Amino acid sequence: MGGCQSHGSSAKEGDVSETGEELSAITEEKVKNNNTQAAPSLEERPYLMQGYVSARIAEIDVDMLTALPVGFDKAEWVASHTVAFFKHINLLSSALSDFCTSGTCPTITGPDGMTYYWTDEQGKKLKCSGPLYTDYAMSYIQELLSDEDVFPTKAGSPFPNGFVFLVQRIFLYLFHTLAHLYWAHFRDVARVGMHPHLNTLFAHLVTFGREFQLLEPSDTTPMEDLIAVLHPRPAPAATDRAGTATDTPWEEGV
């Protein structure tokens, strides 16, 4: 079974195509930043610009979309949303695949040049190009979603032991996919007018992942500046990769 790891790097992205407006002309004062530290470079993080970060495909309440309905099975709720997130993010990344090639992204990176590594079935870390990592991740997720023993579709069929661990891994891959689009391709995304879709998907994914402890704080920290603007809320309790939170076990009742 494959996996992934991420490591920081001092490497920065090279030149990226400009959007219709001159991105650097927008001042840093337009970024919402409640910290006393200096705002991050808008040249490096154009997705923080107020004109872009406020864009959504619709005025939706992601908290309402995330909340578990009364009487609804938690595992079923998480499973159905996992399938939906995969379909939407896979579609979005496919639509933007012309921008992410082995030429533009010989190594897949996230914020501050962080490198994401794929781990193969033998436990060997692989340094991948952007499109190769995405292909590995989407193929892995598709295989899991198609496995009746992991994501059962028949009424009354039980979810397997370790279900939460597998969903956490899926959410991590999906998070990396969106983080790479923000870091390496946001100017391209904005130029074709797809940043409202990216913002909406990212805000919903992070909100859902935090609510059900599917994303750890250490996973989302590199994008915390964007998260704080898109959907500010307290950081969740730390969890381990087995799906157990420091205060409440996720799998209770699954």
Protein backbone atom coordinates (compact mmCIF):
# COMPACT_ATOMS: atom_id res chain seq x y z
CA MET A 1 0.00 0.00 0.00
CA GLY A 2 1.40 3.37 -0.96
CA GLY A 3 1.67 6.43 1.17
CA CYS A 4 3.18 9.87 1.35
CA GLN A 5 5.41 12.06 3.45
CA SER A 6 6.26 15.73 3.29
CA HIS A 7 9.45 17.58 4.06
CA GLY A 8 10.32 21.25 4.13
CA SER A 9 12.69 22.73 1.62
CA SER A 10 14.31 26.06 1.00
CA ALA A 11 13.52 25.81 -2.69
CA LYS A 12 11.02 28.32 -4.06
CA GLU A 13 8.78 28.27 -7.10
CA GLY A 14 10.04 29.85 -10.29
CA ASP A 15 8.23 32.24 -12.57
CA VAL A 16 4.50 31.68 -12.93
CA SER A 17 2.20 33.23 -15.50
CA GLU A 18 0.54 36.43 -14.33
CA THR A 19 -3.22 36.80 -14.12
CA GLY A 20 -5.14 39.46 -15.98
CA GLU A 21 -4.29 42.07 -13.36
CA GLU A 22 -0.84 42.84 -12.04
CA LEU A 23 -0.82 40.76 -8.88
CA SER A 24 2.03 42.58 -7.21
CA ALA A 25 0.14 45.88 -7.49
CA ILE A 26 -2.21 44.84 -4.68
CA THR A 27 -0.74 45.87 -1.37
CA GLU A 28 -0.22 43.57 1.59
CA GLU A 29 -2.58 45.70 3.68
CA LYS A 30 -5.47 44.10 1.79
CA VAL A 31 -4.74 40.73 3.34
CA LYS A 32 -6.68 39.87 6.48
CA ASN A 33 -4.00 39.09 9.04
CA ASN A 34 -4.62 39.27 12.77
CA ASN A 35 -1.10 38.19 13.67
CA THR A 36 1.56 40.60 14.85
CA GLN A 37 4.07 39.03 12.47
CA ALA A 38 4.60 40.44 9.01
CA ALA A 39 2.15 39.24 6.37
CA PRO A 40 3.53 36.62 4.00
CA SER A 41 4.67 37.79 0.60
CA LEU A 42 1.75 38.29 -1.76
CA GLU A 43 4.07 37.69 -4.67
CA GLU A 44 4.71 34.25 -3.22
CA ARG A 45 1.16 33.65 -1.96
CA PRO A 46 -1.23 35.46 -4.31
CA TYR A 47 -4.11 33.33 -3.03
CA LEU A 48 -4.15 35.54 0.09
CA MET A 49 -5.11 38.65 -1.88
CA GLN A 50 -8.49 39.91 -0.79
CA GLY A 51 -9.89 39.96 -4.30
CA TYR A 52 -9.21 36.24 -4.67
CA VAL A 53 -9.58 34.82 -1.18
CA SER A 54 -13.16 36.11 -0.87
CA ALA A 55 -14.34 34.36 -4.05
CA ARG A 56 -16.69 31.35 -3.70
CA ILE A 57 -18.90 29.48 -6.15
CA ALA A 58 -21.87 30.24 -3.88
CA GLU A 59 -22.65 31.68 -0.48
CA ILE A 60 -22.69 28.45 1.49
CA ASP A 61 -22.30 27.63 5.17
CA VAL A 62 -19.60 24.96 5.29
CA ASP A 63 -20.30 24.37 8.99
CA MET A 64 -23.89 23.49 8.17
CA LEU A 65 -22.79 21.23 5.31
CA THR A 66 -20.31 19.50 7.61
CA ALA A 67 -22.43 18.92 10.73
CA LEU A 68 -23.58 15.34 11.29
CA PRO A 69 -27.39 15.21 11.06
CA VAL A 70 -29.18 13.91 14.12
CA GLY A 71 -29.63 10.16 13.92
CA PHE A 72 -27.28 9.74 10.95
CA ASP A 73 -24.51 7.14 11.17
CA LYS A 74 -21.13 8.88 11.44
CA ALA A 75 -19.26 6.36 9.28
CA GLU A 76 -21.89 6.62 6.53
CA TRP A 77 -21.72 10.42 6.67
CA VAL A 78 -17.92 10.44 6.44
CA ALA A 79 -17.90 7.81 3.68
CA SER A 80 -20.39 9.67 1.49
CA HIS A 81 -18.50 12.94 1.86
CA THR A 82 -15.17 11.26 1.14
CA VAL A 83 -16.56 9.99 -2.16
CA ALA A 84 -17.93 13.45 -3.01
CA PHE A 85 -14.68 15.24 -2.13
CA PHE A 86 -12.70 12.83 -4.29
CA LYS A 87 -14.99 13.31 -7.28
CA HIS A 88 -14.90 17.11 -7.08
CA ILE A 89 -11.16 17.41 -6.42
CA ASN A 90 -10.28 14.85 -9.07
CA LEU A 91 -12.42 16.77 -11.56
CA LEU A 92 -10.81 20.08 -10.60
CA SER A 93 -7.26 18.77 -10.80
CA SER A 94 -8.04 17.16 -14.16
CA ALA A 95 -9.40 20.45 -15.49
CA LEU A 96 -6.14 22.16 -14.46
CA SER A 97 -3.82 19.38 -15.59
CA ASP A 98 -2.47 21.43 -18.51
CA PHE A 99 -0.76 23.69 -15.97
CA CYS A 100 0.78 20.89 -13.90
CA THR A 101 3.23 18.93 -16.01
CA SER A 102 6.54 17.19 -15.47
CA GLY A 103 8.11 20.31 -16.98
CA THR A 104 6.44 22.88 -14.73
CA CYS A 105 6.50 20.63 -11.66
CA PRO A 106 9.39 18.14 -11.80
CA THR A 107 8.90 17.79 -8.03
CA ILE A 108 5.54 18.26 -6.33
CA THR A 109 5.71 21.02 -3.76
CA GLY A 110 3.48 22.78 -1.27
CA PRO A 111 3.81 26.00 0.74
CA ASP A 112 7.35 27.31 1.26
CA GLY A 113 8.70 24.75 -1.15
CA MET A 114 7.69 21.77 1.01
CA THR A 115 8.19 18.56 -0.96
CA TYR A 116 5.61 15.77 -0.89
CA TYR A 117 7.00 12.24 -1.23
CA TRP A 118 5.07 9.18 -2.28
CA THR A 119 5.79 5.97 -0.37
CA ASP A 120 5.43 2.81 -2.41
CA GLU A 121 4.22 -0.60 -1.23
CA GLN A 122 7.75 -1.54 -0.15
CA GLY A 123 7.98 1.57 2.01
CA LYS A 124 10.40 3.34 -0.32
CA LYS A 125 10.03 7.12 -0.57
CA LEU A 126 9.66 8.36 -4.13
CA LYS A 127 10.29 11.91 -5.29
CA CYS A 128 7.58 12.53 -7.87
CA SER A 129 6.62 15.16 -10.38
CA GLY A 130 3.37 17.00 -9.79
CA PRO A 131 1.29 14.99 -12.28
CA LEU A 132 2.80 11.65 -11.22
CA TYR A 133 2.05 12.26 -7.53
CA THR A 134 -1.49 13.31 -8.40
CA ASP A 135 -1.96 10.21 -10.54
CA TYR A 136 -0.67 7.96 -7.75
CA ALA A 137 -2.94 9.63 -5.20
CA MET A 138 -6.10 9.61 -7.31
CA SER A 139 -5.55 6.02 -8.43
CA TYR A 140 -5.02 4.91 -4.85
CA ILE A 141 -8.16 6.68 -3.66
CA GLN A 142 -10.24 5.37 -6.56
CA GLU A 143 -9.14 1.82 -5.75
CA LEU A 144 -10.20 2.21 -2.12
CA LEU A 145 -13.54 3.77 -2.99
CA SER A 146 -14.27 0.91 -5.39
CA ASP A 147 -13.50 -1.74 -2.77
CA GLU A 148 -16.75 -3.02 -1.23
CA ASP A 149 -14.79 -4.25 1.79
CA VAL A 150 -13.64 -0.69 2.53
CA PHE A 151 -16.52 1.47 1.29
CA PRO A 152 -19.54 -0.85 1.37
CA THR A 153 -22.56 0.23 -0.65
CA LYS A 154 -25.04 -2.40 0.53
CA ALA A 155 -27.32 -1.39 3.39
CA GLY A 156 -26.22 -2.84 6.69
CA SER A 157 -22.74 -3.80 5.52
CA PRO A 158 -20.11 -3.01 8.19
CA PHE A 159 -17.16 -0.72 7.72
CA PRO A 160 -13.79 -2.38 8.26
CA ASN A 161 -11.48 -1.99 11.22
CA GLY A 162 -9.05 0.77 10.39
CA PHE A 163 -11.61 2.60 8.25
CA VAL A 164 -10.73 5.92 9.88
CA PHE A 165 -7.03 5.43 9.17
CA LEU A 166 -7.77 4.90 5.47
CA VAL A 167 -10.01 7.97 5.30
CA GLN A 168 -7.35 10.05 7.03
CA ARG A 169 -4.88 9.00 4.35
CA ILE A 170 -7.37 9.92 1.63
CA PHE A 171 -7.92 13.34 3.15
CA LEU A 172 -4.18 13.92 3.40
CA TYR A 173 -3.74 13.15 -0.32
CA LEU A 174 -6.64 15.42 -1.23
CA PHE A 175 -5.22 18.19 0.95
CA HIS A 176 -1.81 17.87 -0.71
CA THR A 177 -3.45 18.04 -4.14
CA LEU A 178 -5.19 21.32 -3.34
CA ALA A 179 -2.19 22.77 -1.48
CA HIS A 180 -0.03 22.17 -4.57
CA LEU A 181 -2.58 23.92 -6.79
CA TYR A 182 -2.54 26.93 -4.47
CA TRP A 183 1.24 27.07 -4.15
CA ALA A 184 2.38 26.27 -7.67
CA HIS A 185 -0.53 27.14 -9.94
CA PHE A 186 -2.76 29.74 -8.32
CA ARG A 187 -2.05 32.40 -10.93
CA ASP A 188 -3.12 29.93 -13.62
CA VAL A 189 -6.18 28.94 -11.61
CA ALA A 190 -7.18 32.59 -11.20
CA ARG A 191 -6.53 33.39 -14.85
CA VAL A 192 -9.08 30.79 -15.96
CA GLY A 193 -11.53 31.88 -13.25
CA MET A 194 -11.52 28.65 -11.23
CA HIS A 195 -10.32 30.12 -7.93
CA PRO A 196 -13.89 30.29 -6.52
CA HIS A 197 -14.17 26.52 -7.01
CA LEU A 198 -10.75 25.95 -5.44
CA ASN A 199 -11.56 28.14 -2.43
CA THR A 200 -14.93 26.48 -1.87
CA LEU A 201 -13.55 22.95 -2.09
CA PHE A 202 -10.58 23.76 0.13
CA ALA A 203 -12.68 25.43 2.84
CA HIS A 204 -15.16 22.55 2.90
CA LEU A 205 -12.45 19.85 2.91
CA VAL A 206 -10.56 21.44 5.80
CA THR A 207 -13.72 22.13 7.80
CA PHE A 208 -14.94 18.56 7.37
CA GLY A 209 -11.50 17.10 8.01
CA ARG A 210 -11.12 19.01 11.26
CA GLU A 211 -14.65 18.30 12.45
CA PHE A 212 -14.15 14.53 12.15
CA GLN A 213 -10.42 14.50 12.98
CA LEU A 214 -9.39 13.37 9.51
CA LEU A 215 -6.68 16.01 9.13
CA GLU A 216 -4.07 16.63 11.80
CA PRO A 217 -2.98 20.16 12.74
CA SER A 218 0.53 19.32 11.53
CA ASP A 219 -0.92 18.49 8.11
CA THR A 220 -2.77 21.77 7.68
CA THR A 221 -0.27 24.14 9.35
CA PRO A 222 1.50 25.08 6.07
CA MET A 223 -1.82 26.47 4.75
CA GLU A 224 -2.98 27.97 8.05
CA ASP A 225 -2.72 31.54 6.77
CA LEU A 226 -5.28 30.77 4.06
CA ILE A 227 -7.46 28.66 6.36
CA ALA A 228 -7.61 31.49 8.89
CA VAL A 229 -9.06 33.79 6.23
CA LEU A 230 -11.35 31.32 4.45
CA HIS A 231 -12.87 29.83 7.56
CA PRO A 232 -11.43 30.92 10.91
CA ARG A 233 -12.07 28.54 13.80
CA PRO A 234 -10.08 27.07 16.71
CA ALA A 235 -7.48 24.43 15.90
CA PRO A 236 -8.71 20.87 16.54
CA ALA A 237 -7.39 18.42 19.09
CA ALA A 238 -4.37 16.47 17.95
CA THR A 239 -5.01 12.97 16.64
CA ASP A 240 -2.85 10.03 15.73
CA ARG A 241 -2.89 8.22 12.40
CA ALA A 242 -5.05 5.46 13.87
CA GLY A 243 -7.88 7.95 14.12
CA THR A 244 -7.81 8.39 17.90
CA ALA A 245 -8.08 11.91 19.25
CA THR A 246 -6.47 12.99 22.48
CA ASP A 247 -9.91 13.50 24.03
CA THR A 248 -12.54 11.47 22.11
CA PRO A 249 -12.21 8.25 20.09
CA TRP A 250 -13.50 8.84 16.56
CA GLU A 251 -14.43 5.25 15.82
CA GLU A 252 -16.89 4.83 18.64
CA GLY A 253 -20.02 3.31 17.17
CA VAL A 254 -18.50 2.65 13.73
